[in-house]
């Protein structure tokens, strides 16, 4: 990770999705990979993770939003 200060996180309570962006959303990904359960998506460019999207985040984190 080149610059940890540029990491941005955003939680969408309606969709229950946590977005973690390492490199800026404007970069195009070479590939996108889904976890086996389909709840985590990775965007990758040149072998580096650009962003991670975690669906059903409240369940994975062990809490439920009110």
PDB file of N, CA and C in Angstrom:
ATOM      1  N   UNK A   1       0.851  -1.159   0.000  1.00  0.00           N
ATOM      2  CA  UNK A   1       0.000   0.000   0.000  1.00  0.00           C
ATOM      3  C   UNK A   1       0.903   1.230   0.000  1.00  0.00           C
ATOM      4  N   UNK A   2       0.758   2.067  -0.994  1.00  0.00           N
ATOM      5  CA  UNK A   2       1.636   3.217  -1.142  1.00  0.00           C
ATOM      6  C   UNK A   2       1.321   4.346  -0.176  1.00  0.00           C
ATOM      7  N   UNK A   3       0.050   4.675  -0.003  1.00  0.00           N
ATOM      8  CA  UNK A   3      -0.303   5.807   0.838  1.00  0.00           C
ATOM      9  C   UNK A   3      -1.560   5.495   1.646  1.00  0.00           C
ATOM     10  N   UNK A   4      -1.374   4.997   2.884  1.00  0.00           N
ATOM     11  CA  UNK A   4      -2.542   4.619   3.688  1.00  0.00           C
ATOM     12  C   UNK A   4      -3.477   5.782   4.010  1.00  0.00           C
ATOM     13  N   UNK A   5      -3.002   7.004   3.902  1.00  0.00           N
ATOM     14  CA  UNK A   5      -3.852   8.167   4.175  1.00  0.00           C
ATOM     15  C   UNK A   5      -4.921   8.356   3.105  1.00  0.00           C
ATOM     16  N   UNK A   6      -4.745   7.738   1.958  1.00  0.00           N
ATOM     17  CA  UNK A   6      -5.712   7.882   0.867  1.00  0.00           C
ATOM     18  C   UNK A   6      -6.807   6.833   0.890  1.00  0.00           C
ATOM     19  N   UNK A   7      -6.792   5.944   1.874  1.00  0.00           N
ATOM     20  CA  UNK A   7      -7.844   4.930   1.973  1.00  0.00           C
ATOM     21  C   UNK A   7      -9.147   5.625   2.348  1.00  0.00           C
ATOM     22  N   UNK A   8     -10.188   5.331   1.599  1.00  0.00           N
ATOM     23  CA  UNK A   8     -11.497   5.902   1.889  1.00  0.00           C
ATOM     24  C   UNK A   8     -12.470   4.761   2.151  1.00  0.00           C
ATOM     25  N   UNK A   9     -13.304   4.931   3.178  1.00  0.00           N
ATOM     26  CA  UNK A   9     -14.326   3.942   3.482  1.00  0.00           C
ATOM     27  C   UNK A   9     -15.670   4.635   3.533  1.00  0.00           C
ATOM     28  N   UNK A  10     -16.675   3.942   3.042  1.00  0.00           N
ATOM     29  CA  UNK A  10     -18.031   4.477   3.058  1.00  0.00           C
ATOM     30  C   UNK A  10     -18.991   3.320   3.287  1.00  0.00           C
ATOM     31  N   UNK A  11     -19.951   3.544   4.166  1.00  0.00           N
ATOM     32  CA  UNK A  11     -20.954   2.524   4.448  1.00  0.00           C
ATOM     33  C   UNK A  11     -22.299   2.979   3.911  1.00  0.00           C
ATOM     34  N   UNK A  12     -22.953   2.111   3.168  1.00  0.00           N
ATOM     35  CA  UNK A  12     -24.289   2.362   2.642  1.00  0.00           C
ATOM     36  C   UNK A  12     -25.267   1.558   3.497  1.00  0.00           C
ATOM     37  N   UNK A  13     -25.972   2.213   4.442  1.00  0.00           N
ATOM     38  CA  UNK A  13     -26.869   1.472   5.335  1.00  0.00           C
ATOM     39  C   UNK A  13     -28.065   0.847   4.613  1.00  0.00           C
ATOM     40  N   UNK A  14     -28.557   1.484   3.560  1.00  0.00           N
ATOM     41  CA  UNK A  14     -29.699   0.920   2.835  1.00  0.00           C
ATOM     42  C   UNK A  14     -29.324  -0.377   2.133  1.00  0.00           C
ATOM     43  N   UNK A  15     -28.153  -0.401   1.518  1.00  0.00           N
ATOM     44  CA  UNK A  15     -27.712  -1.602   0.819  1.00  0.00           C
ATOM     45  C   UNK A  15     -26.924  -2.542   1.716  1.00  0.00           C
ATOM     46  N   UNK A  16     -26.567  -2.065   2.930  1.00  0.00           N
ATOM     47  CA  UNK A  16     -25.738  -2.813   3.873  1.00  0.00           C
ATOM     48  C   UNK A  16     -24.429  -3.233   3.210  1.00  0.00           C
ATOM     49  N   UNK A  17     -23.757  -2.233   2.605  1.00  0.00           N
ATOM     50  CA  UNK A  17     -22.513  -2.466   1.878  1.00  0.00           C
ATOM     51  C   UNK A  17     -21.437  -1.533   2.416  1.00  0.00           C
ATOM     52  N   UNK A  18     -20.256  -2.100   2.688  1.00  0.00           N
ATOM     53  CA  UNK A  18     -19.094  -1.297   3.058  1.00  0.00           C
ATOM     54  C   UNK A  18     -18.182  -1.233   1.852  1.00  0.00           C
ATOM     55  N   UNK A  19     -17.835  -0.008   1.446  1.00  0.00           N
ATOM     56  CA  UNK A  19     -16.913   0.222   0.346  1.00  0.00           C
ATOM     57  C   UNK A  19     -15.570   0.652   0.928  1.00  0.00           C
ATOM     58  N   UNK A  20     -14.498   0.016   0.501  1.00  0.00           N
ATOM     59  CA  UNK A  20     -13.148   0.399   0.898  1.00  0.00           C
ATOM     60  C   UNK A  20     -12.376   0.662  -0.387  1.00  0.00           C
ATOM     61  N   UNK A  21     -11.901   1.898  -0.540  1.00  0.00           N
ATOM     62  CA  UNK A  21     -11.242   2.320  -1.764  1.00  0.00           C
ATOM     63  C   UNK A  21      -9.792   2.653  -1.445  1.00  0.00           C
ATOM     64  N   UNK A  22      -8.858   1.972  -2.110  1.00  0.00           N
ATOM     65  CA  UNK A  22      -7.434   2.167  -1.858  1.00  0.00           C
ATOM     66  C   UNK A  22      -6.773   3.112  -2.842  1.00  0.00           C
ATOM     67  N   UNK A  23      -7.336   3.257  -4.026  1.00  0.00           N
ATOM     68  CA  UNK A  23      -6.599   3.947  -5.075  1.00  0.00           C
ATOM     69  C   UNK A  23      -7.389   5.011  -5.820  1.00  0.00           C
ATOM     70  N   UNK A  24      -8.604   5.262  -5.444  1.00  0.00           N
ATOM     71  CA  UNK A  24      -9.408   6.211  -6.195  1.00  0.00           C
ATOM     72  C   UNK A  24     -10.279   5.477  -7.189  1.00  0.00           C
ATOM     73  N   UNK A  25     -11.558   5.755  -7.147  1.00  0.00           N
ATOM     74  CA  UNK A  25     -12.517   5.032  -7.977  1.00  0.00           C
ATOM     75  C   UNK A  25     -12.350   5.293  -9.462  1.00  0.00           C
ATOM     76  N   UNK A  26     -11.602   6.329  -9.809  1.00  0.00           N
ATOM     77  CA  UNK A  26     -11.480   6.665 -11.227  1.00  0.00           C
ATOM     78  C   UNK A  26     -10.617   5.677 -11.994  1.00  0.00           C
ATOM     79  N   UNK A  27      -9.818   4.860 -11.315  1.00  0.00           N
ATOM     80  CA  UNK A  27      -8.973   3.895 -12.010  1.00  0.00           C
ATOM     81  C   UNK A  27      -9.797   2.700 -12.497  1.00  0.00           C
ATOM     82  N   UNK A  28      -9.522   2.294 -13.705  1.00  0.00           N
ATOM     83  CA  UNK A  28     -10.183   1.131 -14.280  1.00  0.00           C
ATOM     84  C   UNK A  28      -9.525  -0.138 -13.744  1.00  0.00           C
ATOM     85  N   UNK A  29     -10.311  -1.132 -13.437  1.00  0.00           N
ATOM     86  CA  UNK A  29      -9.802  -2.411 -12.962  1.00  0.00           C
ATOM     87  C   UNK A  29      -9.511  -3.327 -14.141  1.00  0.00           C
ATOM     88  N   UNK A  30      -8.457  -4.140 -14.004  1.00  0.00           N
ATOM     89  CA  UNK A  30      -8.153  -5.171 -14.991  1.00  0.00           C
ATOM     90  C   UNK A  30      -9.091  -6.359 -14.803  1.00  0.00           C
ATOM     91  N   UNK A  31      -9.446  -6.614 -13.537  1.00  0.00           N
ATOM     92  CA  UNK A  31     -10.332  -7.732 -13.243  1.00  0.00           C
ATOM     93  C   UNK A  31     -11.108  -7.464 -11.967  1.00  0.00           C
ATOM     94  N   UNK A  32     -12.196  -8.159 -11.833  1.00  0.00           N
ATOM     95  CA  UNK A  32     -13.003  -8.121 -10.620  1.00  0.00           C
ATOM     96  C   UNK A  32     -13.209  -9.556 -10.166  1.00  0.00           C
ATOM     97  N   UNK A  33     -13.022  -9.774  -8.871  1.00  0.00           N
ATOM     98  CA  UNK A  33     -13.117 -11.116  -8.318  1.00  0.00           C
ATOM     99  C   UNK A  33     -14.159 -11.113  -7.202  1.00  0.00           C
ATOM    100  N   UNK A  34     -15.036 -12.111  -7.213  1.00  0.00           N
ATOM    101  CA  UNK A  34     -16.031 -12.295  -6.154  1.00  0.00           C
ATOM    102  C   UNK A  34     -15.576 -13.409  -5.226  1.00  0.00           C
ATOM    103  N   UNK A  35     -15.822 -13.225  -3.930  1.00  0.00           N
ATOM    104  CA  UNK A  35     -15.532 -14.285  -2.974  1.00  0.00           C
ATOM    105  C   UNK A  35     -16.436 -15.475  -3.259  1.00  0.00           C
ATOM    106  N   UNK A  36     -16.114 -16.593  -2.664  1.00  0.00           N
ATOM    107  CA  UNK A  36     -16.874 -17.822  -2.903  1.00  0.00           C
ATOM    108  C   UNK A  36     -18.355 -17.663  -2.544  1.00  0.00           C
ATOM    109  N   UNK A  37     -18.646 -16.920  -1.449  1.00  0.00           N
ATOM    110  CA  UNK A  37     -20.038 -16.725  -1.039  1.00  0.00           C
ATOM    111  C   UNK A  37     -20.712 -15.568  -1.778  1.00  0.00           C
ATOM    112  N   UNK A  38     -19.942 -14.840  -2.601  1.00  0.00           N
ATOM    113  CA  UNK A  38     -20.497 -13.753  -3.394  1.00  0.00           C
ATOM    114  C   UNK A  38     -20.712 -12.465  -2.630  1.00  0.00           C
ATOM    115  N   UNK A  39     -20.251 -12.398  -1.377  1.00  0.00           N
ATOM    116  CA  UNK A  39     -20.481 -11.208  -0.561  1.00  0.00           C
ATOM    117  C   UNK A  39     -19.341 -10.195  -0.587  1.00  0.00           C
ATOM    118  N   UNK A  40     -18.191 -10.569  -1.146  1.00  0.00           N
ATOM    119  CA  UNK A  40     -17.059  -9.641  -1.186  1.00  0.00           C
ATOM    120  C   UNK A  40     -16.550  -9.571  -2.621  1.00  0.00           C
ATOM    121  N   UNK A  41     -16.425  -8.338  -3.118  1.00  0.00           N
ATOM    122  CA  UNK A  41     -15.923  -8.122  -4.472  1.00  0.00           C
ATOM    123  C   UNK A  41     -14.623  -7.324  -4.391  1.00  0.00           C
ATOM    124  N   UNK A  42     -13.634  -7.765  -5.141  1.00  0.00           N
ATOM    125  CA  UNK A  42     -12.342  -7.096  -5.218  1.00  0.00           C
ATOM    126  C   UNK A  42     -12.155  -6.558  -6.619  1.00  0.00           C
ATOM    127  N   UNK A  43     -11.749  -5.300  -6.737  1.00  0.00           N
ATOM    128  CA  UNK A  43     -11.367  -4.722  -8.032  1.00  0.00           C
ATOM    129  C   UNK A  43      -9.847  -4.644  -8.039  1.00  0.00           C
ATOM    130  N   UNK A  44      -9.234  -5.191  -9.107  1.00  0.00           N
ATOM    131  CA  UNK A  44      -7.779  -5.327  -9.162  1.00  0.00           C
ATOM    132  C   UNK A  44      -7.244  -4.723 -10.459  1.00  0.00           C
ATOM    133  N   UNK A  45      -6.084  -4.065 -10.341  1.00  0.00           N
ATOM    134  CA  UNK A  45      -5.385  -3.531 -11.517  1.00  0.00           C
ATOM    135  C   UNK A  45      -3.901  -3.810 -11.336  1.00  0.00           C
ATOM    136  N   UNK A  46      -3.321  -4.465 -12.324  1.00  0.00           N
ATOM    137  CA  UNK A  46      -1.894  -4.785 -12.324  1.00  0.00           C
ATOM    138  C   UNK A  46      -1.465  -5.461 -11.026  1.00  0.00           C
ATOM    139  N   UNK A  47      -2.284  -6.383 -10.533  1.00  0.00           N
ATOM    140  CA  UNK A  47      -1.951  -7.141  -9.340  1.00  0.00           C
ATOM    141  C   UNK A  47      -2.174  -6.424  -8.026  1.00  0.00           C
ATOM    142  N   UNK A  48      -2.729  -5.218  -8.049  1.00  0.00           N
ATOM    143  CA  UNK A  48      -2.981  -4.453  -6.827  1.00  0.00           C
ATOM    144  C   UNK A  48      -4.478  -4.286  -6.623  1.00  0.00           C
ATOM    145  N   UNK A  49      -4.899  -4.396  -5.380  1.00  0.00           N
ATOM    146  CA  UNK A  49      -6.314  -4.207  -5.063  1.00  0.00           C
ATOM    147  C   UNK A  49      -6.635  -2.721  -5.083  1.00  0.00           C
ATOM    148  N   UNK A  50      -7.604  -2.347  -5.919  1.00  0.00           N
ATOM    149  CA  UNK A  50      -8.068  -0.958  -5.984  1.00  0.00           C
ATOM    150  C   UNK A  50      -9.145  -0.701  -4.939  1.00  0.00           C
ATOM    151  N   UNK A  51     -10.066  -1.657  -4.812  1.00  0.00           N
ATOM    152  CA  UNK A  51     -11.164  -1.471  -3.872  1.00  0.00           C
ATOM    153  C   UNK A  51     -11.752  -2.813  -3.473  1.00  0.00           C
ATOM    154  N   UNK A  52     -12.436  -2.774  -2.341  1.00  0.00           N
ATOM    155  CA  UNK A  52     -13.143  -3.936  -1.826  1.00  0.00           C
ATOM    156  C   UNK A  52     -14.562  -3.499  -1.505  1.00  0.00           C
ATOM    157  N   UNK A  53     -15.522  -4.308  -1.881  1.00  0.00           N
ATOM    158  CA  UNK A  53     -16.922  -4.038  -1.580  1.00  0.00           C
ATOM    159  C   UNK A  53     -17.452  -5.237  -0.791  1.00  0.00           C
ATOM    160  N   UNK A  54     -17.925  -4.980   0.443  1.00  0.00           N
ATOM    161  CA  UNK A  54     -18.411  -6.047   1.306  1.00  0.00           C
ATOM    162  C   UNK A  54     -19.924  -5.918   1.444  1.00  0.00           C
ATOM    163  N   UNK A  55     -20.649  -6.843   0.819  1.00  0.00           N
ATOM    164  CA  UNK A  55     -22.099  -6.859   0.893  1.00  0.00           C
ATOM    165  C   UNK A  55     -22.520  -7.580   2.177  1.00  0.00           C
ATOM    166  N   UNK A  56     -23.731  -7.271   2.667  1.00  0.00           N
ATOM    167  CA  UNK A  56     -24.232  -7.868   3.919  1.00  0.00           C
ATOM    168  C   UNK A  56     -23.250  -7.617   5.056  1.00  0.00           C
ATOM    169  N   UNK A  57     -22.727  -6.388   5.099  1.00  0.00           N
ATOM    170  CA  UNK A  57     -21.668  -6.051   6.043  1.00  0.00           C
ATOM    171  C   UNK A  57     -22.073  -6.241   7.500  1.00  0.00           C
ATOM    172  N   UNK A  58     -23.282  -5.831   7.868  1.00  0.00           N
ATOM    173  CA  UNK A  58     -23.690  -5.919   9.276  1.00  0.00           C
ATOM    174  C   UNK A  58     -23.678  -7.365   9.760  1.00  0.00           C
ATOM    175  N   UNK A  59     -24.075  -8.280   8.918  1.00  0.00           N
ATOM    176  CA  UNK A  59     -24.058  -9.697   9.287  1.00  0.00           C
ATOM    177  C   UNK A  59     -22.622 -10.190   9.430  1.00  0.00           C
ATOM    178  N   UNK A  60     -21.761  -9.806   8.496  1.00  0.00           N
ATOM    179  CA  UNK A  60     -20.362 -10.231   8.545  1.00  0.00           C
ATOM    180  C   UNK A  60     -19.650  -9.625   9.744  1.00  0.00           C
ATOM    181  N   UNK A  61     -20.003  -8.409  10.140  1.00  0.00           N
ATOM    182  CA  UNK A  61     -19.356  -7.731  11.270  1.00  0.00           C
ATOM    183  C   UNK A  61     -19.943  -8.204  12.603  1.00  0.00           C
ATOM    184  N   UNK A  62     -21.086  -8.901  12.554  1.00  0.00           N
ATOM    185  CA  UNK A  62     -21.684  -9.429  13.764  1.00  0.00           C
ATOM    186  C   UNK A  62     -22.644  -8.484  14.456  1.00  0.00           C
ATOM    187  N   UNK A  63     -23.104  -7.455  13.751  1.00  0.00           N
ATOM    188  CA  UNK A  63     -24.122  -6.570  14.315  1.00  0.00           C
ATOM    189  C   UNK A  63     -25.165  -6.277  13.241  1.00  0.00           C
ATOM    190  N   UNK A  64     -26.270  -5.728  13.667  1.00  0.00           N
ATOM    191  CA  UNK A  64     -27.363  -5.416  12.746  1.00  0.00           C
ATOM    192  C   UNK A  64     -27.772  -3.982  12.957  1.00  0.00           C
ATOM    193  N   UNK A  65     -27.782  -3.148  11.896  1.00  0.00           N
ATOM    194  CA  UNK A  65     -28.184  -1.745  12.041  1.00  0.00           C
ATOM    195  C   UNK A  65     -29.636  -1.629  12.467  1.00  0.00           C
ATOM    196  N   UNK A  66     -29.900  -0.608  13.262  1.00  0.00           N
ATOM    197  CA  UNK A  66     -31.297  -0.419  13.726  1.00  0.00           C
ATOM    198  C   UNK A  66     -32.119   0.337  12.713  1.00  0.00           C
TER     199      UNK A  66
END
